[in-house]
Protein backbone atom coordinates (compact mmCIF):
# COMPACT_ATOMS: atom_id res chain seq x y z
CA UNK A 1 -14.15 -111.95 -122.54
CA UNK A 2 -16.34 -112.54 -125.80
CA UNK A 3 -17.82 -116.38 -127.17
CA UNK A 4 -18.08 -118.21 -130.35
CA UNK A 5 -21.13 -119.85 -130.17
CA UNK A 6 -21.07 -123.47 -132.16
CA UNK A 7 -24.40 -124.79 -132.91
CA UNK A 8 -23.33 -128.20 -132.91
CA UNK A 9 -25.64 -130.49 -135.25
CA UNK A 10 -25.27 -134.26 -134.24
CA UNK A 11 -25.91 -135.06 -137.85
CA UNK A 12 -23.26 -134.81 -140.76
CA UNK A 13 -24.72 -131.40 -142.01
CA UNK A 14 -22.88 -129.56 -138.80
CA UNK A 15 -19.41 -130.86 -139.58
CA UNK A 16 -18.92 -128.04 -141.38
CA UNK A 17 -19.66 -125.58 -138.94
CA UNK A 18 -17.50 -127.15 -136.35
CA UNK A 19 -14.15 -127.77 -138.84
CA UNK A 20 -14.74 -123.80 -139.26
CA UNK A 21 -14.93 -123.26 -135.75
CA UNK A 22 -11.54 -125.66 -135.19
CA UNK A 23 -10.02 -122.99 -138.45
CA UNK A 24 -10.97 -120.09 -136.82
CA UNK A 25 -10.13 -120.79 -133.33
CA UNK A 26 -6.81 -121.55 -134.42
CA UNK A 27 -6.15 -118.52 -136.61
CA UNK A 28 -7.41 -116.54 -133.68
CA UNK A 29 -4.97 -118.12 -131.50
CA UNK A 30 -7.80 -118.31 -128.77
CA UNK A 31 -5.37 -119.83 -126.25
CA UNK A 32 -3.81 -116.63 -125.64
CA UNK A 33 -6.52 -114.48 -126.84
CA UNK A 34 -9.84 -113.04 -125.37
CA UNK A 35 -12.05 -115.31 -127.30
CA UNK A 36 -13.65 -118.72 -126.34
CA UNK A 37 -15.40 -121.34 -128.26
CA UNK A 38 -18.73 -122.93 -126.72
CA UNK A 39 -20.38 -125.91 -128.47
CA UNK A 40 -24.43 -125.61 -127.86
CA UNK A 41 -26.50 -129.10 -128.81
CA UNK A 42 -30.32 -128.41 -128.46
CA UNK A 43 -32.83 -131.59 -127.59
CA UNK A 44 -36.04 -130.34 -129.01
CA UNK A 45 -39.24 -130.33 -127.57
CA UNK A 46 -40.77 -133.07 -130.04
CA UNK A 47 -37.64 -135.15 -130.15
CA UNK A 48 -38.28 -135.59 -126.31
CA UNK A 49 -41.59 -136.09 -126.14
CA UNK A 50 -41.00 -139.32 -128.26
CA UNK A 51 -37.57 -140.49 -126.61
CA UNK A 52 -38.92 -139.63 -122.94
CA UNK A 53 -41.45 -143.00 -123.61
CA UNK A 54 -38.22 -145.15 -123.39
CA UNK A 55 -35.30 -142.86 -121.57
CA UNK A 56 -35.02 -140.77 -118.78
CA UNK A 57 -34.16 -137.28 -119.40
CA UNK A 58 -30.97 -137.66 -117.50
CA UNK A 59 -30.31 -140.84 -119.90
CA UNK A 60 -31.25 -138.68 -123.09
CA UNK A 61 -29.07 -135.78 -122.11
CA UNK A 62 -25.92 -138.18 -121.20
CA UNK A 63 -26.43 -139.88 -124.38
CA UNK A 64 -26.42 -136.68 -126.52
CA UNK A 65 -23.09 -135.23 -124.61
CA UNK A 66 -21.32 -138.65 -125.32
CA UNK A 67 -22.43 -137.90 -129.39
CA UNK A 68 -21.46 -134.54 -128.68
CA UNK A 69 -18.08 -135.04 -127.46
CA UNK A 70 -17.08 -137.95 -129.88
CA UNK A 71 -18.04 -135.38 -132.97
CA UNK A 72 -16.23 -132.49 -131.71
CA UNK A 73 -13.15 -134.82 -130.83
CA UNK A 74 -13.39 -136.05 -134.51
CA UNK A 75 -12.97 -132.73 -135.50
CA UNK A 76 -10.02 -131.93 -133.87
CA UNK A 77 -11.34 -129.74 -131.21
CA UNK A 78 -11.86 -131.47 -127.80
CA UNK A 79 -9.36 -129.26 -126.35
CA UNK A 80 -10.58 -125.92 -127.96
CA UNK A 81 -14.39 -126.49 -127.46
CA UNK A 82 -13.65 -127.84 -123.86
CA UNK A 83 -17.26 -126.27 -122.84
CA UNK A 84 -19.71 -128.34 -124.40
CA UNK A 85 -23.53 -128.12 -123.69
CA UNK A 86 -26.39 -129.83 -123.87
CA UNK A 87 -29.82 -127.69 -123.41
CA UNK A 88 -33.78 -128.54 -123.54
CA UNK A 89 -35.24 -126.55 -125.64
CA UNK A 90 -38.84 -125.93 -127.80
CA UNK A 91 -37.03 -125.78 -130.85
CA UNK A 92 -33.45 -125.47 -131.99
CA UNK A 93 -33.74 -122.23 -133.32
CA UNK A 94 -35.54 -120.46 -129.95
CA UNK A 95 -32.81 -122.16 -127.78
CA UNK A 96 -30.04 -120.87 -129.75
CA UNK A 97 -31.64 -117.20 -130.10
CA UNK A 98 -31.96 -117.17 -126.14
CA UNK A 99 -28.03 -118.28 -125.43
CA UNK A 100 -26.81 -115.99 -128.52
CA UNK A 101 -28.95 -112.72 -126.80
CA UNK A 102 -26.64 -113.44 -123.71
CA UNK A 103 -24.04 -110.24 -123.24
CA UNK A 104 -20.54 -111.40 -124.48
CA UNK A 105 -21.95 -113.02 -127.71
CA UNK A 106 -19.53 -112.27 -130.36
CA UNK A 107 -20.84 -114.66 -133.32
CA UNK A 108 -23.33 -117.60 -133.56
CA UNK A 109 -21.72 -120.08 -136.17
CA UNK A 110 -24.27 -122.79 -137.63
CA UNK A 111 -24.50 -125.03 -140.91
CA UNK A 112 -26.85 -124.85 -143.58
CA UNK A 113 -28.64 -128.22 -145.63
CA UNK A 114 -27.16 -127.46 -149.17
CA UNK A 115 -23.44 -128.48 -149.83
CA UNK A 116 -22.02 -126.61 -151.95
CA UNK A 117 -22.75 -126.49 -155.90
CA UNK A 118 -25.83 -128.63 -154.37
CA UNK A 119 -28.87 -127.93 -156.00
CA UNK A 120 -31.71 -128.41 -153.80
CA UNK A 121 -35.27 -127.14 -152.65
CA UNK A 122 -34.09 -126.65 -149.06
CA UNK A 123 -30.88 -124.82 -149.35
CA UNK A 124 -30.34 -123.37 -145.31
CA UNK A 125 -32.92 -125.24 -143.51
CA UNK A 126 -35.06 -124.41 -140.43
CA UNK A 127 -32.69 -123.75 -138.24
CA UNK A 128 -30.21 -121.59 -140.20
CA UNK A 129 -33.33 -119.66 -141.79
CA UNK A 130 -35.11 -118.59 -138.88
CA UNK A 131 -31.99 -117.58 -137.18
CA UNK A 132 -31.19 -115.26 -140.11
CA UNK A 133 -34.64 -113.62 -139.66
CA UNK A 134 -34.35 -112.85 -135.88
CA UNK A 135 -30.16 -112.66 -135.75
CA UNK A 136 -30.14 -112.36 -132.37
CA UNK A 137 -26.10 -111.67 -132.74
CA UNK A 138 -23.99 -112.52 -136.04
CA UNK A 139 -24.78 -115.47 -137.41
CA UNK A 140 -22.16 -116.92 -139.57
CA UNK A 141 -23.17 -119.86 -141.69
CA UNK A 142 -20.55 -122.40 -143.00
CA UNK A 143 -21.64 -125.04 -145.89
CA UNK A 144 -21.76 -128.25 -144.18
CA UNK A 145 -18.97 -129.88 -146.60
CA UNK A 146 -16.43 -127.16 -145.85
CA UNK A 147 -13.28 -128.64 -144.71
CA UNK A 148 -10.77 -126.72 -142.64
CA UNK A 149 -7.70 -126.84 -145.24
CA UNK A 150 -10.33 -125.56 -148.11
CA UNK A 151 -10.81 -122.11 -146.00
CA UNK A 152 -9.15 -119.41 -148.58
CA UNK A 153 -5.94 -117.23 -147.71
CA UNK A 154 -7.68 -114.18 -149.01
CA UNK A 155 -8.83 -111.06 -147.34
CA UNK A 156 -12.15 -110.96 -145.51
CA UNK A 157 -14.70 -109.58 -147.67
CA UNK A 158 -17.37 -106.81 -146.51
CA UNK A 159 -20.44 -106.66 -148.74
CA UNK A 160 -21.81 -103.24 -149.27
CA UNK A 161 -25.34 -102.37 -150.51
CA UNK A 162 -25.22 -98.68 -150.64
CA UNK A 163 -28.86 -98.08 -150.08
CA UNK A 164 -28.46 -99.17 -146.60
CA UNK A 165 -26.92 -98.56 -143.51
CA UNK A 166 -24.43 -101.00 -141.83
CA UNK A 167 -22.57 -100.15 -139.18
CA UNK A 168 -22.78 -102.86 -137.46
CA UNK A 169 -21.53 -105.40 -140.47
CA UNK A 170 -18.70 -102.65 -141.08
CA UNK A 171 -17.50 -103.10 -137.22
CA UNK A 172 -17.62 -106.36 -137.43
CA UNK A 173 -15.61 -106.94 -140.62
CA UNK A 174 -12.98 -104.74 -139.30
CA UNK A 175 -12.32 -106.10 -136.03
CA UNK A 176 -12.67 -109.68 -137.71
CA UNK A 177 -9.91 -109.18 -140.49
CA UNK A 178 -7.76 -107.40 -137.44
CA UNK A 179 -7.90 -110.42 -135.21
CA UNK A 180 -6.92 -112.87 -138.22
CA UNK A 181 -4.31 -110.59 -139.50
CA UNK A 182 -6.03 -110.73 -142.85
CA UNK A 183 -6.59 -107.60 -145.42
CA UNK A 184 -10.03 -106.47 -145.30
CA UNK A 185 -11.84 -105.79 -148.84
CA UNK A 186 -15.45 -104.06 -149.88
CA UNK A 187 -16.94 -105.79 -152.51
CA UNK A 188 -20.37 -103.88 -154.40
CA UNK A 189 -22.34 -105.65 -157.20
CA UNK A 190 -24.08 -102.98 -159.25
CA UNK A 191 -26.92 -105.00 -160.25
CA UNK A 192 -26.97 -105.52 -164.36
CA UNK A 193 -30.40 -106.66 -165.64
CA UNK A 194 -34.12 -105.74 -164.89
CA UNK A 195 -33.81 -101.91 -165.46
CA UNK A 196 -36.96 -100.51 -166.86
CA UNK A 197 -34.90 -97.09 -167.71
CA UNK A 198 -32.66 -99.22 -169.65
CA UNK A 199 -35.48 -100.23 -172.21
CA UNK A 200 -36.31 -97.18 -172.63
CA UNK A 201 -33.65 -95.83 -174.05
CA UNK A 202 -32.15 -96.15 -178.10
CA UNK A 203 -30.11 -99.55 -178.14
CA UNK A 204 -27.25 -97.54 -179.24
CA UNK A 205 -27.14 -95.87 -175.85
CA UNK A 206 -27.27 -98.98 -174.00
CA UNK A 207 -23.63 -98.53 -173.40
CA UNK A 208 -23.55 -94.93 -172.06
CA UNK A 209 -26.59 -95.85 -169.70
CA UNK A 210 -24.42 -98.82 -167.70
CA UNK A 211 -21.67 -96.49 -168.20
CA UNK A 212 -23.07 -93.98 -165.79
CA UNK A 213 -25.20 -96.09 -163.66
CA UNK A 214 -21.28 -97.51 -162.62
CA UNK A 215 -20.15 -94.35 -161.88
CA UNK A 216 -23.28 -93.54 -160.14
CA UNK A 217 -23.14 -96.42 -158.11
CA UNK A 218 -18.72 -95.84 -157.03
CA UNK A 219 -19.97 -92.59 -156.09
CA UNK A 220 -22.46 -93.61 -153.42
CA UNK A 221 -20.36 -96.60 -152.79
CA UNK A 222 -17.14 -94.37 -151.69
CA UNK A 223 -19.71 -92.05 -150.12
CA UNK A 224 -20.91 -95.56 -147.77
CA UNK A 225 -17.35 -96.38 -147.38
CA UNK A 226 -16.68 -93.21 -146.23
CA UNK A 227 -20.04 -92.88 -143.39
CA UNK A 228 -18.79 -96.30 -142.45
CA UNK A 229 -15.09 -95.45 -141.38
CA UNK A 230 -13.84 -97.49 -144.54
CA UNK A 231 -12.22 -94.56 -146.46
CA UNK A 232 -8.47 -96.12 -147.75
CA UNK A 233 -10.18 -100.02 -147.56
CA UNK A 234 -9.53 -101.39 -151.15
CA UNK A 235 -12.93 -102.11 -152.80
CA UNK A 236 -14.40 -103.77 -156.17
CA UNK A 237 -17.47 -103.36 -158.30
CA UNK A 238 -18.83 -105.74 -160.84
CA UNK A 239 -22.05 -105.83 -162.36
CA UNK A 240 -24.52 -108.63 -162.62
CA UNK A 241 -26.57 -110.51 -160.18
CA UNK A 242 -25.86 -109.49 -156.44
CA UNK A 243 -25.93 -113.04 -154.99
CA UNK A 244 -24.27 -114.82 -157.61
CA UNK A 245 -21.61 -111.51 -158.15
CA UNK A 246 -21.02 -112.06 -154.27
CA UNK A 247 -20.62 -115.59 -154.34
CA UNK A 248 -18.06 -115.76 -157.44
CA UNK A 249 -16.18 -112.35 -155.90
CA UNK A 250 -15.55 -114.98 -152.64
CA UNK A 251 -14.85 -117.80 -154.46
CA UNK A 252 -12.29 -115.86 -156.61
CA UNK A 253 -10.38 -114.09 -153.95
CA UNK A 254 -10.30 -117.01 -151.46
CA UNK A 255 -12.10 -115.22 -148.40
CA UNK A 256 -12.52 -116.70 -145.78
CA UNK A 257 -15.45 -115.04 -144.73
CA UNK A 258 -18.13 -112.45 -146.00
CA UNK A 259 -19.89 -110.10 -143.95
CA UNK A 260 -22.97 -108.54 -144.67
CA UNK A 261 -25.36 -106.61 -142.78
CA UNK A 262 -28.78 -107.47 -142.66
CA UNK A 263 -32.15 -105.35 -144.00
CA UNK A 264 -33.88 -106.41 -140.65
CA UNK A 265 -37.08 -107.48 -142.85
CA UNK A 266 -40.33 -109.16 -141.29
CA UNK A 267 -41.95 -111.55 -141.95
CA UNK A 268 -44.35 -109.79 -143.88
CA UNK A 269 -42.06 -107.95 -145.70
CA UNK A 270 -40.09 -111.30 -146.88
CA UNK A 271 -42.99 -112.47 -148.86
CA UNK A 272 -42.48 -109.86 -151.11
CA UNK A 273 -39.02 -109.01 -150.77
CA UNK A 274 -35.86 -111.58 -150.60
CA UNK A 275 -33.10 -110.96 -148.34
CA UNK A 276 -29.97 -110.80 -149.80
CA UNK A 277 -28.15 -111.79 -146.54
CA UNK A 278 -30.33 -115.10 -146.16
CA UNK A 279 -29.93 -116.09 -150.42
CA UNK A 280 -26.04 -115.29 -150.26
CA UNK A 281 -26.14 -117.45 -147.07
CA UNK A 282 -27.35 -120.06 -148.68
CA UNK A 283 -25.98 -120.63 -152.11
CA UNK A 284 -22.31 -118.92 -151.02
CA UNK A 285 -19.51 -121.55 -150.94
CA UNK A 286 -17.80 -119.57 -148.74
CA UNK A 287 -18.81 -118.83 -145.10
CA UNK A 288 -21.59 -116.15 -144.69
CA UNK A 289 -21.58 -114.00 -141.60
CA UNK A 290 -24.95 -111.69 -141.19
CA UNK A 291 -24.71 -109.00 -138.71
CA UNK A 292 -27.31 -107.00 -137.12
CA UNK A 293 -27.19 -103.38 -137.54
CA UNK A 294 -26.94 -103.31 -133.82
CA UNK A 295 -24.42 -102.06 -131.18
CA UNK A 296 -24.61 -105.65 -129.93
CA UNK A 297 -22.59 -106.32 -133.07
CA UNK A 298 -19.70 -103.64 -133.18
CA UNK A 299 -18.26 -105.46 -129.86
């Protein structure tokens, strides 16, 4: 049996993840399937250090469980999220990372800080940002204001980068679409800006340059799809900003989920190169699953 772990944020930022988990549990017909949902709330060390001045640990855990029960029941997940755990950890991201690395985890569902369409400096939040960096398992990031009735009825979308291997993401997307009974669609964005070569050619030839560029990307995309056992899956290409293009395609197609692979950038590399997966998870109005390219992700 595979487990979907749901990070239970007891603030209002956790509502989207709970609503998405409820919708997902119903869509996957968990009652008769092989998947089950487990709620996890982490009491962080810094929080406990303050609370233990006034309460015993047993009392703190009991109150956290009662609040988690209330939120889960309000979200209509009382029966489907019957396994609810309150655990103590140095930080939420470290504790969730450790739990998600255990065998049998299909994915970890968490919320982010920024609501859909909200412009703010911090969009992912500390926990989501660090979990997307470590990727102990596929991580599904959900906008905090997403409600079950707003989840799209369209295809599951797999974001393709022709320069990177994404075996784990492709396997996750295929199985998720099949379990959901939805079609799978591959999408690819041709970056339409910052090409130095475009500035070095006569303006009269700019159209030919971008046409040839798009044809080259399509050839590479078809080869990438063949290498990932996706031959014959419908695909779509657009030109523009990669993150904005993927987000717009997902919203227009009413996708219930966008799946993308991770480039596995370490902390040092992230100082110089942004991760498209993290940026997409921070900005997209549709839930985004970031999948590590590892055997675990294909389960």
